[in-house]
Amino acid sequence: MLTLPEVCDLLGLRWWRAYRLARAGAWDGRVELVHGRNTWVFPRPAVLRWLKQQIARSVRTERPEQQNHDAVQERRRVAAT
């Protein structure tokens, strides 16, 4: 189980952004009593799964630009020959 500050450290997020994601249900979290205080805790696999999805999403958005760039380069190469 990870606390919200641990999630921030792991994912490199600011506290407020992580809090908003937690409230939006990005991770399967719950509030537990930790050291006498109510604390958000999240299962590590849920957080890592979310991180993997974010990485995959960013790769998918970058890929079309690279393919477009490759197509332009190929057209220039063919036109030059």
N, C-alpha and C. Protein backbone atom coordinates (compact mmCIF):
# COMPACT_ATOMS: atom_id res chain seq x y z
N MET A 1 0.84 -1.18 0.00
CA MET A 1 0.00 0.00 0.00
C MET A 1 0.89 1.25 0.00
N LEU A 2 0.48 2.21 -0.78
CA LEU A 2 1.20 3.48 -0.88
C LEU A 2 0.33 4.60 -0.34
N THR A 3 0.95 5.53 0.36
CA THR A 3 0.22 6.72 0.79
C THR A 3 0.30 7.76 -0.32
N LEU A 4 -0.48 8.81 -0.20
CA LEU A 4 -0.50 9.84 -1.23
C LEU A 4 0.88 10.49 -1.41
N PRO A 5 1.62 10.81 -0.34
CA PRO A 5 2.98 11.36 -0.56
C PRO A 5 3.91 10.38 -1.27
N GLU A 6 3.76 9.07 -0.99
CA GLU A 6 4.58 8.08 -1.68
C GLU A 6 4.22 8.00 -3.16
N VAL A 7 2.95 8.13 -3.47
CA VAL A 7 2.52 8.15 -4.87
C VAL A 7 3.11 9.37 -5.57
N CYS A 8 3.10 10.51 -4.90
CA CYS A 8 3.69 11.73 -5.47
C CYS A 8 5.16 11.51 -5.80
N ASP A 9 5.90 10.91 -4.86
CA ASP A 9 7.32 10.65 -5.09
C ASP A 9 7.53 9.66 -6.22
N LEU A 10 6.73 8.62 -6.26
CA LEU A 10 6.88 7.57 -7.26
C LEU A 10 6.58 8.08 -8.67
N LEU A 11 5.52 8.86 -8.79
CA LEU A 11 5.08 9.32 -10.11
C LEU A 11 5.62 10.69 -10.49
N GLY A 12 6.23 11.38 -9.56
CA GLY A 12 6.75 12.71 -9.84
C GLY A 12 5.65 13.75 -9.98
N LEU A 13 4.56 13.57 -9.24
CA LEU A 13 3.44 14.50 -9.30
C LEU A 13 3.48 15.45 -8.10
N ARG A 14 2.89 16.61 -8.29
CA ARG A 14 2.68 17.50 -7.16
C ARG A 14 1.51 16.97 -6.33
N TRP A 15 1.50 17.32 -5.05
CA TRP A 15 0.50 16.78 -4.15
C TRP A 15 -0.91 17.07 -4.64
N TRP A 16 -1.16 18.31 -5.07
CA TRP A 16 -2.52 18.67 -5.46
C TRP A 16 -2.97 17.87 -6.68
N ARG A 17 -2.10 17.66 -7.64
CA ARG A 17 -2.44 16.87 -8.84
C ARG A 17 -2.74 15.42 -8.45
N ALA A 18 -1.93 14.84 -7.59
CA ALA A 18 -2.16 13.46 -7.14
C ALA A 18 -3.46 13.37 -6.37
N TYR A 19 -3.73 14.36 -5.54
CA TYR A 19 -4.98 14.37 -4.77
C TYR A 19 -6.18 14.41 -5.70
N ARG A 20 -6.14 15.26 -6.72
CA ARG A 20 -7.25 15.37 -7.66
C ARG A 20 -7.44 14.08 -8.45
N LEU A 21 -6.34 13.43 -8.84
CA LEU A 21 -6.44 12.15 -9.53
C LEU A 21 -7.05 11.08 -8.62
N ALA A 22 -6.65 11.11 -7.36
CA ALA A 22 -7.19 10.14 -6.39
C ALA A 22 -8.69 10.36 -6.21
N ARG A 23 -9.10 11.60 -6.09
CA ARG A 23 -10.52 11.90 -5.92
C ARG A 23 -11.33 11.54 -7.16
N ALA A 24 -10.68 11.62 -8.32
CA ALA A 24 -11.36 11.28 -9.57
C ALA A 24 -11.42 9.78 -9.81
N GLY A 25 -10.74 9.01 -8.96
CA GLY A 25 -10.78 7.56 -9.07
C GLY A 25 -9.73 6.97 -9.98
N ALA A 26 -8.62 7.66 -10.17
CA ALA A 26 -7.55 7.14 -11.02
C ALA A 26 -6.97 5.86 -10.44
N TRP A 27 -6.93 5.78 -9.13
CA TRP A 27 -6.41 4.59 -8.46
C TRP A 27 -7.48 4.08 -7.49
N ASP A 28 -7.47 2.79 -7.23
CA ASP A 28 -8.40 2.20 -6.27
C ASP A 28 -7.89 2.48 -4.87
N GLY A 29 -8.26 3.61 -4.32
CA GLY A 29 -7.77 4.00 -3.01
C GLY A 29 -8.85 3.98 -1.96
N ARG A 30 -8.40 4.06 -0.73
CA ARG A 30 -9.32 4.15 0.39
C ARG A 30 -8.63 4.91 1.50
N VAL A 31 -9.43 5.37 2.43
CA VAL A 31 -8.90 6.11 3.57
C VAL A 31 -8.75 5.12 4.73
N GLU A 32 -7.54 5.09 5.31
CA GLU A 32 -7.25 4.23 6.45
C GLU A 32 -6.60 5.05 7.54
N LEU A 33 -6.64 4.51 8.73
CA LEU A 33 -5.99 5.15 9.87
C LEU A 33 -4.52 4.74 9.89
N VAL A 34 -3.62 5.68 9.64
CA VAL A 34 -2.18 5.42 9.64
C VAL A 34 -1.55 6.38 10.63
N HIS A 35 -0.89 5.84 11.64
CA HIS A 35 -0.26 6.65 12.69
C HIS A 35 -1.24 7.62 13.33
N GLY A 36 -2.46 7.15 13.51
CA GLY A 36 -3.47 7.96 14.18
C GLY A 36 -4.13 9.02 13.30
N ARG A 37 -3.86 9.02 12.01
CA ARG A 37 -4.45 10.00 11.11
C ARG A 37 -5.11 9.30 9.93
N ASN A 38 -6.22 9.85 9.47
CA ASN A 38 -6.85 9.33 8.26
C ASN A 38 -5.95 9.66 7.08
N THR A 39 -5.60 8.63 6.31
CA THR A 39 -4.66 8.79 5.21
C THR A 39 -5.16 8.00 4.00
N TRP A 40 -5.04 8.62 2.83
CA TRP A 40 -5.36 7.89 1.60
C TRP A 40 -4.27 6.85 1.38
N VAL A 41 -4.68 5.61 1.07
CA VAL A 41 -3.72 4.57 0.71
C VAL A 41 -4.19 3.92 -0.58
N PHE A 42 -3.23 3.49 -1.37
CA PHE A 42 -3.51 2.93 -2.69
C PHE A 42 -2.69 1.66 -2.86
N PRO A 43 -3.27 0.63 -3.47
CA PRO A 43 -2.48 -0.57 -3.76
C PRO A 43 -1.43 -0.24 -4.84
N ARG A 44 -0.24 -0.70 -4.61
CA ARG A 44 0.87 -0.42 -5.53
C ARG A 44 0.55 -0.86 -6.97
N PRO A 45 -0.05 -2.06 -7.19
CA PRO A 45 -0.33 -2.46 -8.57
C PRO A 45 -1.27 -1.50 -9.30
N ALA A 46 -2.24 -0.92 -8.59
CA ALA A 46 -3.17 0.02 -9.23
C ALA A 46 -2.43 1.28 -9.69
N VAL A 47 -1.51 1.76 -8.87
CA VAL A 47 -0.75 2.97 -9.21
C VAL A 47 0.18 2.68 -10.39
N LEU A 48 0.86 1.55 -10.36
CA LEU A 48 1.77 1.21 -11.45
C LEU A 48 1.03 0.94 -12.75
N ARG A 49 -0.16 0.35 -12.67
CA ARG A 49 -0.98 0.13 -13.86
C ARG A 49 -1.37 1.47 -14.48
N TRP A 50 -1.75 2.43 -13.63
CA TRP A 50 -2.12 3.76 -14.12
C TRP A 50 -0.91 4.41 -14.80
N LEU A 51 0.27 4.28 -14.18
CA LEU A 51 1.48 4.86 -14.75
C LEU A 51 1.78 4.23 -16.12
N LYS A 52 1.62 2.92 -16.22
CA LYS A 52 1.86 2.23 -17.48
C LYS A 52 0.90 2.73 -18.56
N GLN A 53 -0.36 2.95 -18.20
CA GLN A 53 -1.34 3.47 -19.16
C GLN A 53 -0.97 4.88 -19.62
N GLN A 54 -0.48 5.70 -18.71
CA GLN A 54 -0.09 7.06 -19.07
C GLN A 54 1.09 7.06 -20.02
N ILE A 55 2.04 6.16 -19.78
CA ILE A 55 3.21 6.07 -20.66
C ILE A 55 2.77 5.59 -22.04
N ALA A 56 1.90 4.57 -22.06
CA ALA A 56 1.41 4.06 -23.35
C ALA A 56 0.64 5.13 -24.10
N ARG A 57 -0.14 5.92 -23.38
CA ARG A 57 -0.91 6.99 -24.02
C ARG A 57 0.03 8.03 -24.63
N SER A 58 1.08 8.40 -23.93
CA SER A 58 2.00 9.40 -24.46
C SER A 58 2.77 8.86 -25.65
N VAL A 59 3.09 7.57 -25.64
CA VAL A 59 3.79 6.97 -26.79
C VAL A 59 2.87 6.96 -28.01
N ARG A 60 1.59 6.63 -27.81
CA ARG A 60 0.65 6.61 -28.93
C ARG A 60 0.47 7.99 -29.54
N THR A 61 0.49 9.04 -28.72
CA THR A 61 0.30 10.38 -29.26
C THR A 61 1.54 10.86 -29.99
N GLU A 62 2.73 10.37 -29.62
CA GLU A 62 3.95 10.78 -30.29
C GLU A 62 4.18 10.01 -31.59
N ARG A 63 3.72 8.80 -31.67
CA ARG A 63 3.99 7.94 -32.82
C ARG A 63 3.49 8.50 -34.14
N PRO A 64 2.26 9.02 -34.26
CA PRO A 64 1.82 9.54 -35.55
C PRO A 64 2.70 10.67 -36.09
N GLU A 65 3.21 11.50 -35.23
CA GLU A 65 4.09 12.58 -35.68
C GLU A 65 5.35 11.99 -36.28
N GLN A 66 5.90 10.95 -35.65
CA GLN A 66 7.11 10.33 -36.17
C GLN A 66 6.83 9.66 -37.50
N GLN A 67 5.70 8.98 -37.63
CA GLN A 67 5.36 8.34 -38.89
C GLN A 67 5.17 9.38 -39.99
N ASN A 68 4.54 10.49 -39.66
CA ASN A 68 4.35 11.56 -40.63
C ASN A 68 5.70 12.11 -41.06
N HIS A 69 6.59 12.30 -40.09
CA HIS A 69 7.92 12.81 -40.39
C HIS A 69 8.67 11.84 -41.30
N ASP A 70 8.56 10.54 -41.03
CA ASP A 70 9.21 9.53 -41.85
C ASP A 70 8.66 9.55 -43.28
N ALA A 71 7.35 9.73 -43.42
CA ALA A 71 6.74 9.77 -44.75
C ALA A 71 7.25 10.98 -45.53
N VAL A 72 7.36 12.12 -44.87
CA VAL A 72 7.87 13.32 -45.54
C VAL A 72 9.32 13.11 -45.97
N GLN A 73 10.12 12.53 -45.11
CA GLN A 73 11.52 12.26 -45.44
C GLN A 73 11.63 11.31 -46.63
N GLU A 74 10.76 10.28 -46.66
CA GLU A 74 10.77 9.32 -47.76
C GLU A 74 10.39 10.01 -49.08
N ARG A 75 9.38 10.89 -49.05
CA ARG A 75 8.99 11.61 -50.27
C ARG A 75 10.12 12.49 -50.76
N ARG A 76 10.83 13.14 -49.84
CA ARG A 76 11.95 13.99 -50.25
C ARG A 76 13.07 13.15 -50.86
N ARG A 77 13.32 11.97 -50.27
CA ARG A 77 14.38 11.10 -50.79
C ARG A 77 14.03 10.63 -52.21
N VAL A 78 12.77 10.23 -52.40
CA VAL A 78 12.34 9.76 -53.73
C VAL A 78 12.39 10.91 -54.74
N ALA A 79 11.97 12.08 -54.33
CA ALA A 79 11.99 13.24 -55.25
C ALA A 79 13.42 13.64 -55.60
N ALA A 80 14.35 13.42 -54.71
CA ALA A 80 15.74 13.81 -54.97
C ALA A 80 16.43 12.85 -55.92
N THR A 81 15.92 11.64 -56.06
CA THR A 81 16.61 10.66 -56.92
C THR A 81 16.13 10.69 -58.35
